[in-house]
Amino acid sequence: MILYALYFGFACVGLSQLLAMWRLITGPGIGDRVLAIDTMTVNAVGLIVLLGIAGASQIYFEAALLIAMLGFVSTVAYARFVLRGDIIE
């Protein structure tokens, strides 16, 4: 039963990743593109967690935590760059 749930999770998060990529490419504004990148980071974390569950390995969860932290910081930095023109004042 867990195998079917994992397949369903991979399919849903993969579809979400493709839709976020579509928004990144066709987004009408820069704000849409920033949110699409952030959504793609969250989806990547979800895929890595699902891979860790499927492979029963602890290292994937640590990688997902690192990617989540880097994704948050990069989204904030990019948003500050778009709003102010610089990252560090």
C-alpha atoms as a PDB file:
ATOM      1  CA  MET A   1       0.000   0.000   0.000  1.00  0.00           C
ATOM      2  CA  ILE A   2       2.840   2.393   0.841  1.00  0.00           C
ATOM      3  CA  LEU A   3       4.323   1.791  -2.596  1.00  0.00           C
ATOM      4  CA  TYR A   4       1.174   3.089  -4.297  1.00  0.00           C
ATOM      5  CA  ALA A   5       1.138   6.118  -2.005  1.00  0.00           C
ATOM      6  CA  LEU A   6       4.748   6.844  -2.932  1.00  0.00           C
ATOM      7  CA  TYR A   7       3.988   6.564  -6.651  1.00  0.00           C
ATOM      8  CA  PHE A   8       1.022   8.884  -6.219  1.00  0.00           C
ATOM      9  CA  GLY A   9       3.172  11.337  -4.257  1.00  0.00           C
ATOM     10  CA  PHE A  10       5.903  11.293  -6.909  1.00  0.00           C
ATOM     11  CA  ALA A  11       3.325  11.898  -9.629  1.00  0.00           C
ATOM     12  CA  CYS A  12       1.629  14.779  -7.802  1.00  0.00           C
ATOM     13  CA  VAL A  13       4.829  16.548  -6.809  1.00  0.00           C
ATOM     14  CA  GLY A  14       6.318  15.980 -10.261  1.00  0.00           C
ATOM     15  CA  LEU A  15       3.246  17.493 -11.898  1.00  0.00           C
ATOM     16  CA  SER A  16       3.438  20.409  -9.487  1.00  0.00           C
ATOM     17  CA  GLN A  17       7.099  20.879 -10.425  1.00  0.00           C
ATOM     18  CA  LEU A  18       6.222  20.978 -14.119  1.00  0.00           C
ATOM     19  CA  LEU A  19       3.439  23.498 -13.538  1.00  0.00           C
ATOM     20  CA  ALA A  20       5.771  25.717 -11.508  1.00  0.00           C
ATOM     21  CA  MET A  21       8.320  25.500 -14.305  1.00  0.00           C
ATOM     22  CA  TRP A  22       5.626  26.576 -16.747  1.00  0.00           C
ATOM     23  CA  ARG A  23       4.867  29.589 -14.522  1.00  0.00           C
ATOM     24  CA  LEU A  24       8.577  30.386 -14.385  1.00  0.00           C
ATOM     25  CA  ILE A  25       8.799  30.435 -18.174  1.00  0.00           C
ATOM     26  CA  THR A  26       5.532  32.233 -18.943  1.00  0.00           C
ATOM     27  CA  GLY A  27       5.085  34.362 -15.827  1.00  0.00           C
ATOM     28  CA  PRO A  28       3.870  37.843 -16.749  1.00  0.00           C
ATOM     29  CA  GLY A  29       5.867  39.563 -14.010  1.00  0.00           C
ATOM     30  CA  ILE A  30       9.048  39.198 -12.027  1.00  0.00           C
ATOM     31  CA  GLY A  31       7.056  38.482  -8.861  1.00  0.00           C
ATOM     32  CA  ASP A  32       5.463  35.459 -10.518  1.00  0.00           C
ATOM     33  CA  ARG A  33       8.873  34.172 -11.479  1.00  0.00           C
ATOM     34  CA  VAL A  34      10.253  34.588  -7.949  1.00  0.00           C
ATOM     35  CA  LEU A  35       7.293  32.689  -6.518  1.00  0.00           C
ATOM     36  CA  ALA A  36       7.707  29.982  -9.160  1.00  0.00           C
ATOM     37  CA  ILE A  37      11.351  29.510  -8.175  1.00  0.00           C
ATOM     38  CA  ASP A  38      10.345  29.283  -4.523  1.00  0.00           C
ATOM     39  CA  THR A  39       7.627  26.761  -5.370  1.00  0.00           C
ATOM     40  CA  MET A  40      10.115  24.717  -7.372  1.00  0.00           C
ATOM     41  CA  THR A  41      12.445  24.669  -4.365  1.00  0.00           C
ATOM     42  CA  VAL A  42       9.647  23.406  -2.117  1.00  0.00           C
ATOM     43  CA  ASN A  43       8.738  20.769  -4.707  1.00  0.00           C
ATOM     44  CA  ALA A  44      12.375  19.670  -4.958  1.00  0.00           C
ATOM     45  CA  VAL A  45      12.461  19.242  -1.186  1.00  0.00           C
ATOM     46  CA  GLY A  46       9.280  17.181  -1.409  1.00  0.00           C
ATOM     47  CA  LEU A  47      10.744  14.964  -4.112  1.00  0.00           C
ATOM     48  CA  ILE A  48      13.918  14.412  -2.102  1.00  0.00           C
ATOM     49  CA  VAL A  49      11.897  13.483   0.986  1.00  0.00           C
ATOM     50  CA  LEU A  50       9.828  11.031  -1.054  1.00  0.00           C
ATOM     51  CA  LEU A  51      13.040   9.568  -2.448  1.00  0.00           C
ATOM     52  CA  GLY A  52      14.349   9.182   1.094  1.00  0.00           C
ATOM     53  CA  ILE A  53      11.184   7.365   2.127  1.00  0.00           C
ATOM     54  CA  ALA A  54      11.353   5.097  -0.918  1.00  0.00           C
ATOM     55  CA  GLY A  55      15.034   4.321  -0.406  1.00  0.00           C
ATOM     56  CA  ALA A  56      14.846   4.140   3.404  1.00  0.00           C
ATOM     57  CA  SER A  57      17.934   6.308   3.759  1.00  0.00           C
ATOM     58  CA  GLN A  58      18.541   9.078   6.296  1.00  0.00           C
ATOM     59  CA  ILE A  59      20.919  11.085   4.112  1.00  0.00           C
ATOM     60  CA  TYR A  60      18.115  12.309   1.845  1.00  0.00           C
ATOM     61  CA  PHE A  61      16.396  14.029   4.744  1.00  0.00           C
ATOM     62  CA  GLU A  62      19.552  15.941   5.609  1.00  0.00           C
ATOM     63  CA  ALA A  63      19.932  16.967   1.969  1.00  0.00           C
ATOM     64  CA  ALA A  64      16.312  18.111   1.907  1.00  0.00           C
ATOM     65  CA  LEU A  65      16.899  20.246   5.005  1.00  0.00           C
ATOM     66  CA  LEU A  66      19.948  21.898   3.441  1.00  0.00           C
ATOM     67  CA  ILE A  67      18.132  22.596   0.179  1.00  0.00           C
ATOM     68  CA  ALA A  68      15.169  24.046   2.074  1.00  0.00           C
ATOM     69  CA  MET A  69      17.431  26.440   3.979  1.00  0.00           C
ATOM     70  CA  LEU A  70      19.311  27.505   0.861  1.00  0.00           C
ATOM     71  CA  GLY A  71      16.057  27.926  -1.051  1.00  0.00           C
ATOM     72  CA  PHE A  72      14.632  30.221   1.601  1.00  0.00           C
ATOM     73  CA  VAL A  73      17.734  32.391   1.749  1.00  0.00           C
ATOM     74  CA  SER A  74      18.011  32.605  -2.038  1.00  0.00           C
ATOM     75  CA  THR A  75      14.344  33.560  -2.405  1.00  0.00           C
ATOM     76  CA  VAL A  76      14.704  36.342   0.158  1.00  0.00           C
ATOM     77  CA  ALA A  77      17.921  37.574  -1.469  1.00  0.00           C
ATOM     78  CA  TYR A  78      16.379  37.578  -4.947  1.00  0.00           C
ATOM     79  CA  ALA A  79      13.274  39.387  -3.722  1.00  0.00           C
ATOM     80  CA  ARG A  80      15.445  42.046  -2.043  1.00  0.00           C
ATOM     81  CA  PHE A  81      17.434  42.409  -5.243  1.00  0.00           C
ATOM     82  CA  VAL A  82      14.284  42.898  -7.295  1.00  0.00           C
ATOM     83  CA  LEU A  83      12.811  45.418  -4.849  1.00  0.00           C
ATOM     84  CA  ARG A  84      15.919  47.443  -3.922  1.00  0.00           C
ATOM     85  CA  GLY A  85      18.494  46.734  -6.587  1.00  0.00           C
ATOM     86  CA  ASP A  86      21.035  45.376  -4.103  1.00  0.00           C
ATOM     87  CA  ILE A  87      21.195  42.539  -1.619  1.00  0.00           C
ATOM     88  CA  ILE A  88      23.519  43.903   1.055  1.00  0.00           C
ATOM     89  CA  GLU A  89      23.206  47.493   2.126  1.00  0.00           C
END
